[in-house]
Amino acid sequence: QVQLVESGGGLVQPGGSLTLSCQASESISDFWMMAWYRQSPGKRREWAASISSGGSTSYADPVTGRFIISRDNTNNALYLQMSRLGPEDTAVYYCQALRAGDAYWGQGTQVTVSS
């Protein structure tokens, strides 16, 4: 069973930046897609960004131009660089990995944007 552990969340002021990490317990080379999702209080979990094994990226409209997703197959890690953060970005951020029909999730990391 693959373990995904997110880190890097915290409290940040509006307009600030934060980088999230997702460390996998094994090689991520076989994961054809990895993604970040987020869930705000009282809302459904929503997709934020994804990256294929080949490095192709996609972003949800609310984060386009502000977030950058990347993966490091050597270190088995997924990243999300977030900039120009606003209160609307406050959420628990989850890492997802897809492989051969299976989906794996991390436990999430809290990001709070507030002054």
PDB file of N, CA and C in Angstrom:
ATOM      1  N   GLN A   1       0.833  -1.187   0.000  1.00  0.00           N
ATOM      2  CA  GLN A   1       0.000   0.000   0.000  1.00  0.00           C
ATOM      3  C   GLN A   1       0.880   1.253   0.000  1.00  0.00           C
ATOM      4  N   VAL A   2       0.675   2.094  -0.969  1.00  0.00           N
ATOM      5  CA  VAL A   2       1.460   3.323  -1.066  1.00  0.00           C
ATOM      6  C   VAL A   2       1.016   4.303   0.006  1.00  0.00           C
ATOM      7  N   GLN A   3       1.973   4.907   0.647  1.00  0.00           N
ATOM      8  CA  GLN A   3       1.698   5.959   1.629  1.00  0.00           C
ATOM      9  C   GLN A   3       2.103   7.308   1.032  1.00  0.00           C
ATOM     10  N   LEU A   4       1.212   8.272   1.152  1.00  0.00           N
ATOM     11  CA  LEU A   4       1.480   9.635   0.704  1.00  0.00           C
ATOM     12  C   LEU A   4       1.382  10.563   1.903  1.00  0.00           C
ATOM     13  N   VAL A   5       2.420  11.346   2.117  1.00  0.00           N
ATOM     14  CA  VAL A   5       2.448  12.239   3.272  1.00  0.00           C
ATOM     15  C   VAL A   5       2.678  13.665   2.808  1.00  0.00           C
ATOM     16  N   GLU A   6       1.676  14.509   3.035  1.00  0.00           N
ATOM     17  CA  GLU A   6       1.788  15.918   2.684  1.00  0.00           C
ATOM     18  C   GLU A   6       2.434  16.701   3.813  1.00  0.00           C
ATOM     19  N   SER A   7       3.093  17.783   3.436  1.00  0.00           N
ATOM     20  CA  SER A   7       3.676  18.689   4.409  1.00  0.00           C
ATOM     21  C   SER A   7       3.799  20.062   3.783  1.00  0.00           C
ATOM     22  N   GLY A   8       4.103  21.049   4.625  1.00  0.00           N
ATOM     23  CA  GLY A   8       4.323  22.395   4.123  1.00  0.00           C
ATOM     24  C   GLY A   8       3.179  23.360   4.343  1.00  0.00           C
ATOM     25  N   GLY A   9       2.067  22.858   4.840  1.00  0.00           N
ATOM     26  CA  GLY A   9       0.942  23.741   5.100  1.00  0.00           C
ATOM     27  C   GLY A   9       1.213  24.648   6.291  1.00  0.00           C
ATOM     28  N   GLY A  10       0.324  25.607   6.474  1.00  0.00           N
ATOM     29  CA  GLY A  10       0.477  26.516   7.597  1.00  0.00           C
ATOM     30  C   GLY A  10      -0.327  27.767   7.404  1.00  0.00           C
ATOM     31  N   LEU A  11      -0.029  28.759   8.211  1.00  0.00           N
ATOM     32  CA  LEU A  11      -0.702  30.051   8.155  1.00  0.00           C
ATOM     33  C   LEU A  11       0.134  31.020   7.325  1.00  0.00           C
ATOM     34  N   VAL A  12      -0.504  31.680   6.386  1.00  0.00           N
ATOM     35  CA  VAL A  12       0.198  32.628   5.530  1.00  0.00           C
ATOM     36  C   VAL A  12      -0.705  33.841   5.319  1.00  0.00           C
ATOM     37  N   GLN A  13      -0.088  34.987   5.181  1.00  0.00           N
ATOM     38  CA  GLN A  13      -0.855  36.211   4.973  1.00  0.00           C
ATOM     39  C   GLN A  13      -1.328  36.319   3.532  1.00  0.00           C
ATOM     40  N   PRO A  14      -2.415  37.008   3.307  1.00  0.00           N
ATOM     41  CA  PRO A  14      -2.876  37.227   1.926  1.00  0.00           C
ATOM     42  C   PRO A  14      -1.770  37.822   1.070  1.00  0.00           C
ATOM     43  N   GLY A  15      -1.648  37.309  -0.133  1.00  0.00           N
ATOM     44  CA  GLY A  15      -0.594  37.749  -1.030  1.00  0.00           C
ATOM     45  C   GLY A  15       0.691  36.967  -0.887  1.00  0.00           C
ATOM     46  N   GLY A  16       0.742  36.113   0.113  1.00  0.00           N
ATOM     47  CA  GLY A  16       1.957  35.347   0.373  1.00  0.00           C
ATOM     48  C   GLY A  16       2.067  34.088  -0.465  1.00  0.00           C
ATOM     49  N   SER A  17       3.133  33.344  -0.194  1.00  0.00           N
ATOM     50  CA  SER A  17       3.430  32.128  -0.941  1.00  0.00           C
ATOM     51  C   SER A  17       3.676  30.970   0.010  1.00  0.00           C
ATOM     52  N   LEU A  18       3.482  29.779  -0.518  1.00  0.00           N
ATOM     53  CA  LEU A  18       3.697  28.566   0.260  1.00  0.00           C
ATOM     54  C   LEU A  18       3.963  27.431  -0.709  1.00  0.00           C
ATOM     55  N   THR A  19       4.818  26.514  -0.328  1.00  0.00           N
ATOM     56  CA  THR A  19       5.067  25.336  -1.149  1.00  0.00           C
ATOM     57  C   THR A  19       4.718  24.072  -0.373  1.00  0.00           C
ATOM     58  N   LEU A  20       3.842  23.275  -0.941  1.00  0.00           N
ATOM     59  CA  LEU A  20       3.449  22.016  -0.344  1.00  0.00           C
ATOM     60  C   LEU A  20       4.255  20.872  -0.950  1.00  0.00           C
ATOM     61  N   SER A  21       4.505  19.858  -0.139  1.00  0.00           N
ATOM     62  CA  SER A  21       5.208  18.667  -0.599  1.00  0.00           C
ATOM     63  C   SER A  21       4.378  17.433  -0.296  1.00  0.00           C
ATOM     64  N   CYS A  22       4.539  16.436  -1.124  1.00  0.00           N
ATOM     65  CA  CYS A  22       3.880  15.147  -0.924  1.00  0.00           C
ATOM     66  C   CYS A  22       4.940  14.070  -1.146  1.00  0.00           C
ATOM     67  N   GLN A  23       5.268  13.386  -0.068  1.00  0.00           N
ATOM     68  CA  GLN A  23       6.305  12.366  -0.137  1.00  0.00           C
ATOM     69  C   GLN A  23       5.662  10.996  -0.232  1.00  0.00           C
ATOM     70  N   ALA A  24       6.065  10.233  -1.252  1.00  0.00           N
ATOM     71  CA  ALA A  24       5.533   8.882  -1.422  1.00  0.00           C
ATOM     72  C   ALA A  24       6.472   7.863  -0.782  1.00  0.00           C
ATOM     73  N   SER A  25       5.892   6.755  -0.346  1.00  0.00           N
ATOM     74  CA  SER A  25       6.671   5.717   0.333  1.00  0.00           C
ATOM     75  C   SER A  25       7.389   4.794  -0.650  1.00  0.00           C
ATOM     76  N   GLU A  26       7.095   4.972  -1.938  1.00  0.00           N
ATOM     77  CA  GLU A  26       7.770   4.168  -2.941  1.00  0.00           C
ATOM     78  C   GLU A  26       7.899   4.979  -4.220  1.00  0.00           C
ATOM     79  N   SER A  27       8.496   4.382  -5.218  1.00  0.00           N
ATOM     80  CA  SER A  27       8.715   5.085  -6.479  1.00  0.00           C
ATOM     81  C   SER A  27       7.417   5.582  -7.082  1.00  0.00           C
ATOM     82  N   ILE A  28       7.445   6.823  -7.571  1.00  0.00           N
ATOM     83  CA  ILE A  28       6.261   7.399  -8.207  1.00  0.00           C
ATOM     84  C   ILE A  28       6.315   7.291  -9.719  1.00  0.00           C
ATOM     85  N   SER A  29       7.347   6.650 -10.223  1.00  0.00           N
ATOM     86  CA  SER A  29       7.501   6.553 -11.680  1.00  0.00           C
ATOM     87  C   SER A  29       6.311   5.863 -12.342  1.00  0.00           C
ATOM     88  N   ASP A  30       5.674   4.935 -11.627  1.00  0.00           N
ATOM     89  CA  ASP A  30       4.545   4.197 -12.196  1.00  0.00           C
ATOM     90  C   ASP A  30       3.227   4.937 -12.091  1.00  0.00           C
ATOM     91  N   PHE A  31       3.209   6.037 -11.386  1.00  0.00           N
ATOM     92  CA  PHE A  31       1.960   6.789 -11.253  1.00  0.00           C
ATOM     93  C   PHE A  31       1.765   7.625 -12.503  1.00  0.00           C
ATOM     94  N   TRP A  32       0.757   7.268 -13.308  1.00  0.00           N
ATOM     95  CA  TRP A  32       0.586   7.966 -14.567  1.00  0.00           C
ATOM     96  C   TRP A  32       0.048   9.378 -14.364  1.00  0.00           C
ATOM     97  N   MET A  33      -0.528   9.620 -13.197  1.00  0.00           N
ATOM     98  CA  MET A  33      -1.019  10.950 -12.890  1.00  0.00           C
ATOM     99  C   MET A  33      -0.904  11.190 -11.390  1.00  0.00           C
ATOM    100  N   MET A  34      -0.492  12.389 -11.040  1.00  0.00           N
ATOM    101  CA  MET A  34      -0.508  12.820  -9.645  1.00  0.00           C
ATOM    102  C   MET A  34      -1.183  14.181  -9.588  1.00  0.00           C
ATOM    103  N   ALA A  35      -1.839  14.436  -8.479  1.00  0.00           N
ATOM    104  CA  ALA A  35      -2.633  15.656  -8.425  1.00  0.00           C
ATOM    105  C   ALA A  35      -2.729  16.207  -7.009  1.00  0.00           C
ATOM    106  N   TRP A  36      -3.114  17.467  -6.956  1.00  0.00           N
ATOM    107  CA  TRP A  36      -3.466  18.116  -5.704  1.00  0.00           C
ATOM    108  C   TRP A  36      -4.952  18.453  -5.739  1.00  0.00           C
ATOM    109  N   TYR A  37      -5.611  18.139  -4.655  1.00  0.00           N
ATOM    110  CA  TYR A  37      -6.997  18.515  -4.438  1.00  0.00           C
ATOM    111  C   TYR A  37      -7.044  19.369  -3.172  1.00  0.00           C
ATOM    112  N   ARG A  38      -8.157  20.078  -3.017  1.00  0.00           N
ATOM    113  CA  ARG A  38      -8.326  20.844  -1.786  1.00  0.00           C
ATOM    114  C   ARG A  38      -9.771  20.836  -1.368  1.00  0.00           C
ATOM    115  N   GLN A  39      -9.966  20.990  -0.061  1.00  0.00           N
ATOM    116  CA  GLN A  39     -11.315  21.001   0.486  1.00  0.00           C
ATOM    117  C   GLN A  39     -11.434  22.099   1.520  1.00  0.00           C
ATOM    118  N   SER A  40     -12.306  23.046   1.216  1.00  0.00           N
ATOM    119  CA  SER A  40     -12.575  24.143   2.145  1.00  0.00           C
ATOM    120  C   SER A  40     -13.701  23.737   3.078  1.00  0.00           C
ATOM    121  N   PRO A  41     -13.787  24.363   4.246  1.00  0.00           N
ATOM    122  CA  PRO A  41     -14.849  24.023   5.194  1.00  0.00           C
ATOM    123  C   PRO A  41     -16.236  24.134   4.564  1.00  0.00           C
ATOM    124  N   GLY A  42     -17.016  23.096   4.701  1.00  0.00           N
ATOM    125  CA  GLY A  42     -18.376  23.107   4.189  1.00  0.00           C
ATOM    126  C   GLY A  42     -18.500  22.882   2.697  1.00  0.00           C
ATOM    127  N   LYS A  43     -17.397  22.627   2.035  1.00  0.00           N
ATOM    128  CA  LYS A  43     -17.427  22.428   0.588  1.00  0.00           C
ATOM    129  C   LYS A  43     -16.908  21.044   0.223  1.00  0.00           C
ATOM    130  N   ARG A  44     -17.212  20.653  -1.000  1.00  0.00           N
ATOM    131  CA  ARG A  44     -16.719  19.374  -1.497  1.00  0.00           C
ATOM    132  C   ARG A  44     -15.247  19.498  -1.872  1.00  0.00           C
ATOM    133  N   ARG A  45     -14.560  18.368  -1.846  1.00  0.00           N
ATOM    134  CA  ARG A  45     -13.171  18.350  -2.277  1.00  0.00           C
ATOM    135  C   ARG A  45     -13.132  18.674  -3.764  1.00  0.00           C
ATOM    136  N   GLU A  46     -12.216  19.554  -4.152  1.00  0.00           N
ATOM    137  CA  GLU A  46     -12.117  19.962  -5.540  1.00  0.00           C
ATOM    138  C   GLU A  46     -10.703  19.787  -6.051  1.00  0.00           C
ATOM    139  N   TRP A  47     -10.623  19.483  -7.324  1.00  0.00           N
ATOM    140  CA  TRP A  47      -9.343  19.315  -7.991  1.00  0.00           C
ATOM    141  C   TRP A  47      -8.678  20.676  -8.175  1.00  0.00           C
ATOM    142  N   ALA A  48      -7.369  20.738  -7.937  1.00  0.00           N
ATOM    143  CA  ALA A  48      -6.635  21.990  -8.100  1.00  0.00           C
ATOM    144  C   ALA A  48      -5.639  21.926  -9.251  1.00  0.00           C
ATOM    145  N   ALA A  49      -4.867  20.843  -9.305  1.00  0.00           N
ATOM    146  CA  ALA A  49      -3.840  20.737 -10.329  1.00  0.00           C
ATOM    147  C   ALA A  49      -3.419  19.287 -10.477  1.00  0.00           C
ATOM    148  N   SER A  50      -2.907  18.950 -11.658  1.00  0.00           N
ATOM    149  CA  SER A  50      -2.421  17.591 -11.877  1.00  0.00           C
ATOM    150  C   SER A  50      -1.228  17.604 -12.820  1.00  0.00           C
ATOM    151  N   ILE A  51      -0.462  16.534 -12.742  1.00  0.00           N
ATOM    152  CA  ILE A  51       0.722  16.396 -13.580  1.00  0.00           C
ATOM    153  C   ILE A  51       0.862  14.938 -13.981  1.00  0.00           C
ATOM    154  N   SER A  52       1.106  14.722 -15.269  1.00  0.00           N
ATOM    155  CA  SER A  52       1.229  13.364 -15.765  1.00  0.00           C
ATOM    156  C   SER A  52       2.646  12.847 -15.545  1.00  0.00           C
ATOM    157  N   SER A  53       2.831  11.568 -15.829  1.00  0.00           N
ATOM    158  CA  SER A  53       4.166  10.993 -15.702  1.00  0.00           C
ATOM    159  C   SER A  53       5.137  11.620 -16.695  1.00  0.00           C
ATOM    160  N   GLY A  54       4.598  12.172 -17.765  1.00  0.00           N
ATOM    161  CA  GLY A  54       5.430  12.820 -18.764  1.00  0.00           C
ATOM    162  C   GLY A  54       5.677  14.284 -18.498  1.00  0.00           C
ATOM    163  N   GLY A  55       5.038  14.790 -17.433  1.00  0.00           N
ATOM    164  CA  GLY A  55       5.274  16.175 -17.060  1.00  0.00           C
ATOM    165  C   GLY A  55       4.227  17.168 -17.549  1.00  0.00           C
ATOM    166  N   SER A  56       3.202  16.693 -18.224  1.00  0.00           N
ATOM    167  CA  SER A  56       2.137  17.598 -18.651  1.00  0.00           C
ATOM    168  C   SER A  56       1.304  18.027 -17.453  1.00  0.00           C
ATOM    169  N   THR A  57       0.999  19.311 -17.394  1.00  0.00           N
ATOM    170  CA  THR A  57       0.279  19.859 -16.239  1.00  0.00           C
ATOM    171  C   THR A  57      -1.067  20.445 -16.633  1.00  0.00           C
ATOM    172  N   SER A  58      -1.967  20.423 -15.681  1.00  0.00           N
ATOM    173  CA  SER A  58      -3.281  21.037 -15.855  1.00  0.00           C
ATOM    174  C   SER A  58      -3.655  21.717 -14.545  1.00  0.00           C
ATOM    175  N   TYR A  59      -4.418  22.808 -14.670  1.00  0.00           N
ATOM    176  CA  TYR A  59      -4.791  23.580 -13.488  1.00  0.00           C
ATOM    177  C   TYR A  59      -6.271  23.951 -13.540  1.00  0.00           C
ATOM    178  N   ALA A  60      -6.872  23.976 -12.363  1.00  0.00           N
ATOM    179  CA  ALA A  60      -8.224  24.499 -12.258  1.00  0.00           C
ATOM    180  C   ALA A  60      -8.180  26.007 -12.450  1.00  0.00           C
ATOM    181  N   ASP A  61      -9.256  26.559 -12.959  1.00  0.00           N
ATOM    182  CA  ASP A  61      -9.283  27.993 -13.255  1.00  0.00           C
ATOM    183  C   ASP A  61      -8.913  28.865 -12.054  1.00  0.00           C
ATOM    184  N   PRO A  62      -9.404  28.562 -10.834  1.00  0.00           N
ATOM    185  CA  PRO A  62      -9.105  29.448  -9.708  1.00  0.00           C
ATOM    186  C   PRO A  62      -7.627  29.543  -9.342  1.00  0.00           C
ATOM    187  N   VAL A  63      -6.827  28.571  -9.761  1.00  0.00           N
ATOM    188  CA  VAL A  63      -5.416  28.576  -9.365  1.00  0.00           C
ATOM    189  C   VAL A  63      -4.488  28.825 -10.544  1.00  0.00           C
ATOM    190  N   THR A  64      -5.006  28.856 -11.733  1.00  0.00           N
ATOM    191  CA  THR A  64      -4.180  29.055 -12.921  1.00  0.00           C
ATOM    192  C   THR A  64      -3.433  30.376 -12.833  1.00  0.00           C
ATOM    193  N   GLY A  65      -2.142  30.293 -13.088  1.00  0.00           N
ATOM    194  CA  GLY A  65      -1.310  31.490 -13.046  1.00  0.00           C
ATOM    195  C   GLY A  65      -0.743  31.791 -11.670  1.00  0.00           C
ATOM    196  N   ARG A  66      -1.237  31.085 -10.658  1.00  0.00           N
ATOM    197  CA  ARG A  66      -0.744  31.317  -9.295  1.00  0.00           C
ATOM    198  C   ARG A  66      -0.072  30.080  -8.699  1.00  0.00           C
ATOM    199  N   PHE A  67      -0.493  28.900  -9.096  1.00  0.00           N
ATOM    200  CA  PHE A  67       0.040  27.646  -8.573  1.00  0.00           C
ATOM    201  C   PHE A  67       0.866  26.938  -9.642  1.00  0.00           C
ATOM    202  N   ILE A  68       1.894  26.244  -9.195  1.00  0.00           N
ATOM    203  CA  ILE A  68       2.714  25.424 -10.084  1.00  0.00           C
ATOM    204  C   ILE A  68       2.877  24.044  -9.468  1.00  0.00           C
ATOM    205  N   ILE A  69       2.484  23.029 -10.225  1.00  0.00           N
ATOM    206  CA  ILE A  69       2.648  21.654  -9.763  1.00  0.00           C
ATOM    207  C   ILE A  69       3.883  21.049 -10.414  1.00  0.00           C
ATOM    208  N   SER A  70       4.617  20.262  -9.658  1.00  0.00           N
ATOM    209  CA  SER A  70       5.798  19.592 -10.197  1.00  0.00           C
ATOM    210  C   SER A  70       5.990  18.261  -9.477  1.00  0.00           C
ATOM    211  N   ARG A  71       6.751  17.385 -10.113  1.00  0.00           N
ATOM    212  CA  ARG A  71       7.034  16.098  -9.509  1.00  0.00           C
ATOM    213  C   ARG A  71       8.511  15.772  -9.671  1.00  0.00           C
ATOM    214  N   ASP A  72       9.051  15.098  -8.696  1.00  0.00           N
ATOM    215  CA  ASP A  72      10.451  14.689  -8.699  1.00  0.00           C
ATOM    216  C   ASP A  72      10.473  13.176  -8.589  1.00  0.00           C
ATOM    217  N   ASN A  73      10.610  12.524  -9.720  1.00  0.00           N
ATOM    218  CA  ASN A  73      10.566  11.060  -9.726  1.00  0.00           C
ATOM    219  C   ASN A  73      11.781  10.454  -9.006  1.00  0.00           C
ATOM    220  N   THR A  74      12.871  11.192  -8.954  1.00  0.00           N
ATOM    221  CA  THR A  74      14.065  10.676  -8.279  1.00  0.00           C
ATOM    222  C   THR A  74      13.850  10.594  -6.774  1.00  0.00           C
ATOM    223  N   ASN A  75      13.200  11.627  -6.238  1.00  0.00           N
ATOM    224  CA  ASN A  75      12.970  11.683  -4.800  1.00  0.00           C
ATOM    225  C   ASN A  75      11.556  11.282  -4.399  1.00  0.00           C
ATOM    226  N   ASN A  76      10.791  10.796  -5.383  1.00  0.00           N
ATOM    227  CA  ASN A  76       9.440  10.297  -5.101  1.00  0.00           C
ATOM    228  C   ASN A  76       8.564  11.338  -4.431  1.00  0.00           C
ATOM    229  N   ALA A  77       8.582  12.539  -4.979  1.00  0.00           N
ATOM    230  CA  ALA A  77       7.844  13.630  -4.347  1.00  0.00           C
ATOM    231  C   ALA A  77       7.042  14.443  -5.350  1.00  0.00           C
ATOM    232  N   LEU A  78       5.987  14.998  -4.868  1.00  0.00           N
ATOM    233  CA  LEU A  78       5.116  15.892  -5.624  1.00  0.00           C
ATOM    234  C   LEU A  78       5.090  17.226  -4.889  1.00  0.00           C
ATOM    235  N   TYR A  79       5.058  18.314  -5.652  1.00  0.00           N
ATOM    236  CA  TYR A  79       5.088  19.636  -5.047  1.00  0.00           C
ATOM    237  C   TYR A  79       3.973  20.518  -5.588  1.00  0.00           C
ATOM    238  N   LEU A  80       3.624  21.514  -4.806  1.00  0.00           N
ATOM    239  CA  LEU A  80       2.694  22.532  -5.260  1.00  0.00           C
ATOM    240  C   LEU A  80       3.185  23.878  -4.751  1.00  0.00           C
ATOM    241  N   GLN A  81       3.680  24.673  -5.674  1.00  0.00           N
ATOM    242  CA  GLN A  81       4.111  26.024  -5.336  1.00  0.00           C
ATOM    243  C   GLN A  81       2.913  26.945  -5.483  1.00  0.00           C
ATOM    244  N   MET A  82       2.578  27.622  -4.406  1.00  0.00           N
ATOM    245  CA  MET A  82       1.411  28.492  -4.392  1.00  0.00           C
ATOM    246  C   MET A  82       1.849  29.930  -4.141  1.00  0.00           C
ATOM    247  N   SER A  83       1.361  30.836  -4.947  1.00  0.00           N
ATOM    248  CA  SER A  83       1.701  32.243  -4.773  1.00  0.00           C
ATOM    249  C   SER A  83       0.437  33.091  -4.863  1.00  0.00           C
ATOM    250  N   ARG A  84       0.570  34.323  -4.477  1.00  0.00           N
ATOM    251  CA  ARG A  84      -0.557  35.281  -4.455  1.00  0.00           C
ATOM    252  C   ARG A  84      -1.782  34.640  -3.806  1.00  0.00           C
ATOM    253  N   LEU A  85      -1.544  34.093  -2.657  1.00  0.00           N
ATOM    254  CA  LEU A  85      -2.614  33.393  -1.949  1.00  0.00           C
ATOM    255  C   LEU A  85      -3.643  34.359  -1.401  1.00  0.00           C
ATOM    256  N   GLY A  86      -4.885  33.914  -1.411  1.00  0.00           N
ATOM    257  CA  GLY A  86      -5.974  34.702  -0.864  1.00  0.00           C
ATOM    258  C   GLY A  86      -6.792  33.864   0.098  1.00  0.00           C
ATOM    259  N   PRO A  87      -7.682  34.482   0.845  1.00  0.00           N
ATOM    260  CA  PRO A  87      -8.509  33.744   1.806  1.00  0.00           C
ATOM    261  C   PRO A  87      -9.277  32.591   1.160  1.00  0.00           C
ATOM    262  N   GLU A  88      -9.594  32.734  -0.114  1.00  0.00           N
ATOM    263  CA  GLU A  88     -10.331  31.689  -0.815  1.00  0.00           C
ATOM    264  C   GLU A  88      -9.502  30.421  -1.019  1.00  0.00           C
ATOM    265  N   ASP A  89      -8.212  30.512  -0.796  1.00  0.00           N
ATOM    266  CA  ASP A  89      -7.326  29.348  -0.923  1.00  0.00           C
ATOM    267  C   ASP A  89      -7.221  28.557   0.378  1.00  0.00           C
ATOM    268  N   THR A  90      -7.840  29.065   1.425  1.00  0.00           N
ATOM    269  CA  THR A  90      -7.836  28.341   2.693  1.00  0.00           C
ATOM    270  C   THR A  90      -8.547  27.006   2.536  1.00  0.00           C
ATOM    271  N   ALA A  91      -7.843  25.930   2.860  1.00  0.00           N
ATOM    272  CA  ALA A  91      -8.393  24.590   2.660  1.00  0.00           C
ATOM    273  C   ALA A  91      -7.406  23.559   3.193  1.00  0.00           C
ATOM    274  N   VAL A  92      -7.891  22.333   3.266  1.00  0.00           N
ATOM    275  CA  VAL A  92      -6.984  21.204   3.468  1.00  0.00           C
ATOM    276  C   VAL A  92      -6.590  20.725   2.075  1.00  0.00           C
ATOM    277  N   TYR A  93      -5.301  20.599   1.862  1.00  0.00           N
ATOM    278  CA  TYR A  93      -4.786  20.207   0.550  1.00  0.00           C
ATOM    279  C   TYR A  93      -4.357  18.735   0.600  1.00  0.00           C
ATOM    280  N   TYR A  94      -4.834  17.991  -0.386  1.00  0.00           N
ATOM    281  CA  TYR A  94      -4.583  16.556  -0.449  1.00  0.00           C
ATOM    282  C   TYR A  94      -3.790  16.196  -1.703  1.00  0.00           C
ATOM    283  N   CYS A  95      -2.899  15.270  -1.549  1.00  0.00           N
ATOM    284  CA  CYS A  95      -2.135  14.710  -2.648  1.00  0.00           C
ATOM    285  C   CYS A  95      -2.834  13.442  -3.117  1.00  0.00           C
ATOM    286  N   GLN A  96      -2.898  13.259  -4.428  1.00  0.00           N
ATOM    287  CA  GLN A  96      -3.482  12.052  -4.999  1.00  0.00           C
ATOM    288  C   GLN A  96      -2.525  11.455  -6.018  1.00  0.00           C
ATOM    289  N   ALA A  97      -2.476  10.126  -6.051  1.00  0.00           N
ATOM    290  CA  ALA A  97      -1.649   9.434  -7.035  1.00  0.00           C
ATOM    291  C   ALA A  97      -2.476   8.328  -7.683  1.00  0.00           C
ATOM    292  N   LEU A  98      -2.383   8.228  -9.000  1.00  0.00           N
ATOM    293  CA  LEU A  98      -3.149   7.239  -9.760  1.00  0.00           C
ATOM    294  C   LEU A  98      -2.211   6.245 -10.417  1.00  0.00           C
ATOM    295  N   ARG A  99      -2.553   4.961 -10.257  1.00  0.00           N
ATOM    296  CA  ARG A  99      -1.733   3.918 -10.854  1.00  0.00           C
ATOM    297  C   ARG A  99      -2.605   2.709 -11.140  1.00  0.00           C
ATOM    298  N   ALA A 100      -2.622   2.289 -12.365  1.00  0.00           N
ATOM    299  CA  ALA A 100      -3.292   1.050 -12.762  1.00  0.00           C
ATOM    300  C   ALA A 100      -4.690   0.908 -12.158  1.00  0.00           C
ATOM    301  N   GLY A 101      -5.462   1.953 -12.233  1.00  0.00           N
ATOM    302  CA  GLY A 101      -6.837   1.896 -11.753  1.00  0.00           C
ATOM    303  C   GLY A 101      -7.016   2.161 -10.282  1.00  0.00           C
ATOM    304  N   ASP A 102      -5.940   2.303  -9.555  1.00  0.00           N
ATOM    305  CA  ASP A 102      -6.022   2.583  -8.129  1.00  0.00           C
ATOM    306  C   ASP A 102      -5.710   4.053  -7.849  1.00  0.00           C
ATOM    307  N   ALA A 103      -6.405   4.577  -6.861  1.00  0.00           N
ATOM    308  CA  ALA A 103      -6.167   5.950  -6.435  1.00  0.00           C
ATOM    309  C   ALA A 103      -5.708   5.945  -4.983  1.00  0.00           C
ATOM    310  N   TYR A 104      -4.670   6.687  -4.728  1.00  0.00           N
ATOM    311  CA  TYR A 104      -4.113   6.784  -3.384  1.00  0.00           C
ATOM    312  C   TYR A 104      -4.186   8.235  -2.931  1.00  0.00           C
ATOM    313  N   TRP A 105      -4.455   8.418  -1.657  1.00  0.00           N
ATOM    314  CA  TRP A 105      -4.602   9.762  -1.093  1.00  0.00           C
ATOM    315  C   TRP A 105      -3.718   9.917   0.135  1.00  0.00           C
ATOM    316  N   GLY A 106      -3.256  11.140   0.343  1.00  0.00           N
ATOM    317  CA  GLY A 106      -2.595  11.468   1.580  1.00  0.00           C
ATOM    318  C   GLY A 106      -3.607  11.917   2.604  1.00  0.00           C
ATOM    319  N   GLN A 107      -3.115  12.263   3.785  1.00  0.00           N
ATOM    320  CA  GLN A 107      -4.004  12.645   4.878  1.00  0.00           C
ATOM    321  C   GLN A 107      -4.348  14.127   4.866  1.00  0.00           C
ATOM    322  N   GLY A 108      -3.634  14.898   4.043  1.00  0.00           N
ATOM    323  CA  GLY A 108      -3.936  16.315   3.898  1.00  0.00           C
ATOM    324  C   GLY A 108      -3.068  17.208   4.762  1.00  0.00           C
ATOM    325  N   THR A 109      -2.920  18.430   4.322  1.00  0.00           N
ATOM    326  CA  THR A 109      -2.205  19.447   5.080  1.00  0.00           C
ATOM    327  C   THR A 109      -3.004  20.743   5.021  1.00  0.00           C
ATOM    328  N   GLN A 110      -3.147  21.396   6.148  1.00  0.00           N
ATOM    329  CA  GLN A 110      -3.989  22.585   6.251  1.00  0.00           C
ATOM    330  C   GLN A 110      -3.251  23.822   5.783  1.00  0.00           C
ATOM    331  N   VAL A 111      -3.892  24.586   4.928  1.00  0.00           N
ATOM    332  CA  VAL A 111      -3.386  25.890   4.513  1.00  0.00           C
ATOM    333  C   VAL A 111      -4.420  26.925   4.926  1.00  0.00           C
ATOM    334  N   THR A 112      -3.977  27.896   5.678  1.00  0.00           N
ATOM    335  CA  THR A 112      -4.861  28.964   6.123  1.00  0.00           C
ATOM    336  C   THR A 112      -4.281  30.298   5.687  1.00  0.00           C
ATOM    337  N   VAL A 113      -5.065  31.042   4.943  1.00  0.00           N
ATOM    338  CA  VAL A 113      -4.640  32.354   4.460  1.00  0.00           C
ATOM    339  C   VAL A 113      -5.436  33.408   5.219  1.00  0.00           C
ATOM    340  N   SER A 114      -4.729  34.131   6.049  1.00  0.00           N
ATOM    341  CA  SER A 114      -5.396  35.108   6.901  1.00  0.00           C
ATOM    342  C   SER A 114      -4.398  36.131   7.399  1.00  0.00           C
ATOM    343  N   SER A 115      -4.890  37.341   7.626  1.00  0.00           N
ATOM    344  CA  SER A 115      -4.040  38.382   8.190  1.00  0.00           C
ATOM    345  C   SER A 115      -4.195  38.414   9.702  1.00  0.00           C
TER     346      SER A 115
END
